[in-house]
Amino acid sequence: MKQAYNQLTPEEQSDGWELMFDGQNATLWRGYKKSQLPSAWLIKDGLLHMVGEANMSALQKQDRGDIVYHKPFKNFHLKLEWKISEKGNSGIFYLGQEPRDDRFGDRDYIWRTAPEMQILDNIGHPDANKGKNGNRQAGSLYDLIPARPQNARPAGEWNQAEIIVNDRQVSHIQNGVKVLSYQLDTEQWKALVAGSKFPSLNSDWANVAKEGFIGLQDHSDPVWFRNLKIKAL
């Protein structure tokens, strides 16, 4: 029997899960600090797809960027599936903010305030060998904590990702295996951030918001998403 994608099971419906993308439209998503979905993101064959810079039209190059789900979450369980292109890079953000001041000018991105579960072609992308101990590979808390075990499937294959945030305790689950967990707001957390790239991007980065937006990254490479679901905890 053919598997049905972008649907809630009866169990998920009764358990309070919310479908974030139905495979036909993305009206629940918009560009970061925008009111509409950028045209560089398409819905095709039941997938939410960022086309990649090399495939963008002139119009799409002017209308691109990270996207966010329409409402913020505090405590939640997020599930989705992703597929990355060869040598590709993307990410899943959470607890992201949309500051309305202009402290970052035109170069404002969700990663200035949001932790990221990395999406990467671990074989073909050079970032896999940068950072510390593999903390820029798929499933990792980007530039902070490596995914262990590293169980990402190759470019062109589907990976399952889950993120659980509950009372500031965070877990990343990749292909059914918990690959990392950490606690926000602790001294250990602050020391971890201090040794990363983030203080140079935002001096207040360690103070992750209590509630914020789920985001998907435009890192210039083609990436596909399906089965996006979330449950408030």
Protein backbone atom coordinates (compact mmCIF):
# COMPACT_ATOMS: atom_id res chain seq x y z
CA MET A 1 0.00 0.00 0.00
CA LYS A 2 1.32 3.43 -0.94
CA GLN A 3 2.27 5.52 2.08
CA ALA A 4 0.25 8.69 2.60
CA TYR A 5 2.32 11.79 3.25
CA ASN A 6 1.38 15.16 4.75
CA GLN A 7 -1.49 13.69 6.74
CA LEU A 8 -2.16 13.19 10.42
CA THR A 9 -2.88 9.67 11.57
CA PRO A 10 -6.02 9.15 13.67
CA GLU A 11 -3.74 8.71 16.69
CA GLU A 12 -1.98 12.01 15.99
CA GLN A 13 -5.30 13.79 15.57
CA SER A 14 -6.58 12.56 18.92
CA ASP A 15 -3.23 13.37 20.55
CA GLY A 16 -3.29 17.04 19.57
CA TRP A 17 -0.88 17.11 16.63
CA GLU A 18 -1.13 19.91 14.07
CA LEU A 19 -0.38 19.50 10.36
CA MET A 20 1.96 22.29 9.23
CA PHE A 21 1.89 21.52 5.49
CA ASP A 22 -0.77 19.59 3.57
CA GLY A 23 1.25 19.04 0.38
CA GLN A 24 -0.95 21.39 -1.65
CA ASN A 25 -0.35 24.87 -0.31
CA ALA A 26 1.90 26.60 2.18
CA THR A 27 -0.46 29.28 3.47
CA LEU A 28 0.70 28.59 7.03
CA TRP A 29 4.25 29.62 6.11
CA ARG A 30 5.74 33.00 5.21
CA GLY A 31 9.13 34.52 4.68
CA TYR A 32 11.11 35.64 7.72
CA LYS A 33 9.92 39.19 8.45
CA LYS A 34 7.61 38.93 5.43
CA SER A 35 3.88 38.44 4.96
CA GLN A 36 4.03 35.92 2.09
CA LEU A 37 5.99 32.82 1.10
CA PRO A 38 9.01 33.82 -1.05
CA SER A 39 8.72 32.69 -4.67
CA ALA A 40 12.00 30.72 -4.36
CA TRP A 41 10.00 28.24 -2.26
CA LEU A 42 7.66 26.01 -4.28
CA ILE A 43 5.06 23.33 -3.63
CA LYS A 44 5.63 20.48 -6.08
CA ASP A 45 4.68 16.79 -5.96
CA GLY A 46 3.43 17.21 -2.40
CA LEU A 47 6.77 18.64 -1.21
CA LEU A 48 7.81 22.02 0.14
CA HIS A 49 10.89 22.83 -1.91
CA MET A 50 13.54 25.56 -1.90
CA VAL A 51 14.76 25.57 -5.49
CA GLY A 52 18.38 26.56 -4.88
CA GLU A 53 20.23 29.62 -6.11
CA ALA A 54 21.52 27.97 -9.30
CA ASN A 55 17.92 27.25 -10.36
CA MET A 56 16.40 30.61 -9.42
CA SER A 57 14.88 33.01 -11.90
CA ALA A 58 15.80 36.68 -11.70
CA LEU A 59 12.56 37.28 -9.80
CA GLN A 60 13.23 34.46 -7.34
CA LYS A 61 16.70 35.83 -6.60
CA GLN A 62 14.95 38.98 -5.41
CA ASP A 63 12.30 37.05 -3.47
CA ARG A 64 13.96 34.36 -1.39
CA GLY A 65 15.17 33.69 2.16
CA ASP A 66 14.34 31.66 5.25
CA ILE A 67 10.71 30.88 6.00
CA VAL A 68 8.80 30.60 9.30
CA TYR A 69 5.63 28.91 10.47
CA HIS A 70 2.88 31.41 11.07
CA LYS A 71 2.71 31.18 14.86
CA PRO A 72 5.27 30.81 17.66
CA PHE A 73 5.66 27.92 20.10
CA LYS A 74 7.09 27.64 23.61
CA ASN A 75 7.07 23.92 24.46
CA PHE A 76 6.57 21.61 21.50
CA HIS A 77 7.38 18.39 19.64
CA LEU A 78 8.20 18.97 15.96
CA LYS A 79 8.42 16.19 13.37
CA LEU A 80 9.34 16.43 9.70
CA GLU A 81 11.23 14.74 6.89
CA TRP A 82 13.92 16.40 4.79
CA LYS A 83 15.99 15.59 1.72
CA ILE A 84 19.05 17.61 0.75
CA SER A 85 20.75 17.99 -2.63
CA GLU A 86 24.34 16.89 -3.28
CA LYS A 87 26.75 19.25 -1.52
CA GLY A 88 23.69 20.90 0.03
CA ASN A 89 23.14 22.77 3.29
CA SER A 90 19.98 23.87 5.10
CA GLY A 91 18.59 23.87 8.62
CA ILE A 92 15.62 23.81 10.97
CA PHE A 93 15.38 26.75 13.37
CA TYR A 94 13.36 27.00 16.56
CA LEU A 95 12.51 29.67 19.16
CA GLY A 96 13.46 32.25 16.53
CA GLN A 97 12.60 35.93 16.91
CA GLU A 98 11.69 38.71 14.52
CA PRO A 99 13.14 41.82 16.19
CA ARG A 100 11.47 44.92 14.85
CA ASP A 101 14.41 47.21 15.48
CA ASP A 102 17.13 47.69 12.88
CA ARG A 103 20.11 46.60 14.97
CA PHE A 104 21.24 44.19 12.24
CA GLY A 105 20.31 46.36 9.26
CA ASP A 106 19.45 44.65 5.99
CA ARG A 107 21.44 41.52 6.83
CA ASP A 108 18.94 40.18 9.33
CA TYR A 109 18.39 36.44 9.56
CA ILE A 110 16.58 34.08 11.90
CA TRP A 111 19.88 32.44 12.89
CA ARG A 112 20.82 35.58 14.80
CA THR A 113 18.37 34.48 17.51
CA ALA A 114 17.48 30.82 16.89
CA PRO A 115 19.17 27.49 17.61
CA GLU A 116 19.45 25.30 14.51
CA MET A 117 19.20 21.59 13.83
CA GLN A 118 21.59 21.21 10.92
CA ILE A 119 20.61 19.75 7.54
CA LEU A 120 23.66 18.79 5.46
CA ASP A 121 25.12 16.48 2.86
CA ASN A 122 27.75 15.14 5.25
CA ILE A 123 29.71 13.58 2.40
CA GLY A 124 29.77 16.39 -0.13
CA HIS A 125 29.56 19.64 1.83
CA PRO A 126 32.80 21.07 3.29
CA ASP A 127 31.03 22.27 6.45
CA ALA A 128 30.88 18.64 7.60
CA ASN A 129 34.58 18.84 8.46
CA LYS A 130 34.50 22.30 10.02
CA GLY A 131 33.50 23.39 13.49
CA LYS A 132 34.38 21.09 16.40
CA ASN A 133 33.98 17.30 16.53
CA GLY A 134 31.39 17.21 13.77
CA ASN A 135 29.09 19.84 15.27
CA ARG A 136 28.17 21.15 11.82
CA GLN A 137 26.99 17.79 10.50
CA ALA A 138 23.36 16.78 9.99
CA GLY A 139 21.28 16.57 13.16
CA SER A 140 23.75 18.61 15.19
CA LEU A 141 22.92 21.72 17.16
CA TYR A 142 24.79 23.80 14.61
CA ASP A 143 28.30 24.84 15.71
CA LEU A 144 27.56 23.79 19.30
CA ILE A 145 26.80 20.09 19.89
CA PRO A 146 27.48 17.22 17.44
CA ALA A 147 24.85 14.60 16.67
CA ARG A 148 25.88 11.26 18.20
CA PRO A 149 25.57 8.78 16.65
CA GLN A 150 25.87 10.41 13.24
CA ASN A 151 23.18 8.50 11.38
CA ALA A 152 22.12 10.85 8.56
CA ARG A 153 21.28 9.29 5.23
CA PRO A 154 23.09 10.50 2.08
CA ALA A 155 22.05 13.36 -0.17
CA GLY A 156 18.95 12.50 -2.18
CA GLU A 157 17.51 10.25 0.54
CA TRP A 158 14.84 11.14 3.08
CA ASN A 159 15.75 11.77 6.72
CA GLN A 160 13.40 12.02 9.68
CA ALA A 161 13.97 14.87 12.12
CA GLU A 162 12.34 15.63 15.45
CA ILE A 163 12.93 18.47 17.88
CA ILE A 164 11.46 18.47 21.37
CA VAL A 165 11.55 21.59 23.55
CA ASN A 166 9.98 21.22 27.00
CA ASP A 167 10.72 23.45 29.98
CA ARG A 168 13.98 24.58 28.31
CA GLN A 169 15.17 20.99 27.87
CA VAL A 170 15.88 20.33 24.17
CA SER A 171 16.36 17.07 22.26
CA HIS A 172 17.24 16.40 18.61
CA ILE A 173 16.09 13.06 17.16
CA GLN A 174 17.40 11.93 13.77
CA ASN A 175 16.04 8.88 11.96
CA GLY A 176 14.43 7.64 15.15
CA VAL A 177 17.51 8.01 17.38
CA LYS A 178 18.04 10.74 19.98
CA VAL A 179 21.35 12.25 18.86
CA LEU A 180 21.70 15.06 21.43
CA SER A 181 20.03 16.85 24.31
CA TYR A 182 20.81 20.01 26.24
CA GLN A 183 19.37 22.49 28.71
CA LEU A 184 18.99 26.16 27.87
CA ASP A 185 19.85 28.96 30.33
CA THR A 186 22.46 27.01 32.31
CA GLU A 187 26.06 28.05 32.93
CA GLN A 188 27.12 25.11 30.76
CA TRP A 189 24.95 26.46 27.94
CA LYS A 190 26.40 29.95 28.26
CA ALA A 191 29.96 28.59 28.20
CA LEU A 192 29.16 26.48 25.14
CA VAL A 193 27.83 29.49 23.24
CA ALA A 194 30.78 31.64 24.33
CA GLY A 195 33.14 29.22 22.57
CA SER A 196 31.19 29.28 19.30
CA LYS A 197 30.76 31.67 16.36
CA PHE A 198 27.49 33.10 17.68
CA PRO A 199 28.66 35.88 20.04
CA SER A 200 30.27 37.60 17.05
CA LEU A 201 26.91 37.48 15.24
CA ASN A 202 24.76 38.59 18.17
CA SER A 203 26.24 39.36 21.59
CA ASP A 204 22.95 38.32 23.22
CA TRP A 205 22.63 35.03 21.32
CA ALA A 206 22.88 32.79 24.42
CA ASN A 207 19.66 34.28 25.81
CA VAL A 208 17.35 32.22 23.62
CA ALA A 209 13.73 33.36 23.85
CA LYS A 210 11.17 31.39 25.85
CA GLU A 211 8.84 31.31 22.84
CA GLY A 212 9.55 31.71 19.15
CA PHE A 213 9.14 30.66 15.54
CA ILE A 214 9.96 27.44 13.71
CA GLY A 215 12.00 28.24 10.58
CA LEU A 216 13.38 26.49 7.50
CA GLN A 217 16.59 27.76 5.93
CA ASP A 218 17.39 29.07 2.49
CA HIS A 219 21.13 28.32 2.37
CA SER A 220 21.19 28.63 -1.44
CA ASP A 221 20.97 24.85 -1.99
CA PRO A 222 17.96 22.77 -3.09
CA VAL A 223 16.15 21.13 -0.18
CA TRP A 224 12.81 19.32 0.16
CA PHE A 225 10.45 18.89 3.12
CA ARG A 226 7.36 16.77 3.81
CA ASN A 227 5.32 15.44 6.75
CA LEU A 228 5.73 18.60 8.82
CA LYS A 229 3.81 18.19 12.08
CA ILE A 230 3.89 19.84 15.49
CA LYS A 231 2.33 19.31 18.89
CA ALA A 232 2.24 21.93 21.63
CA LEU A 233 3.36 20.51 24.98
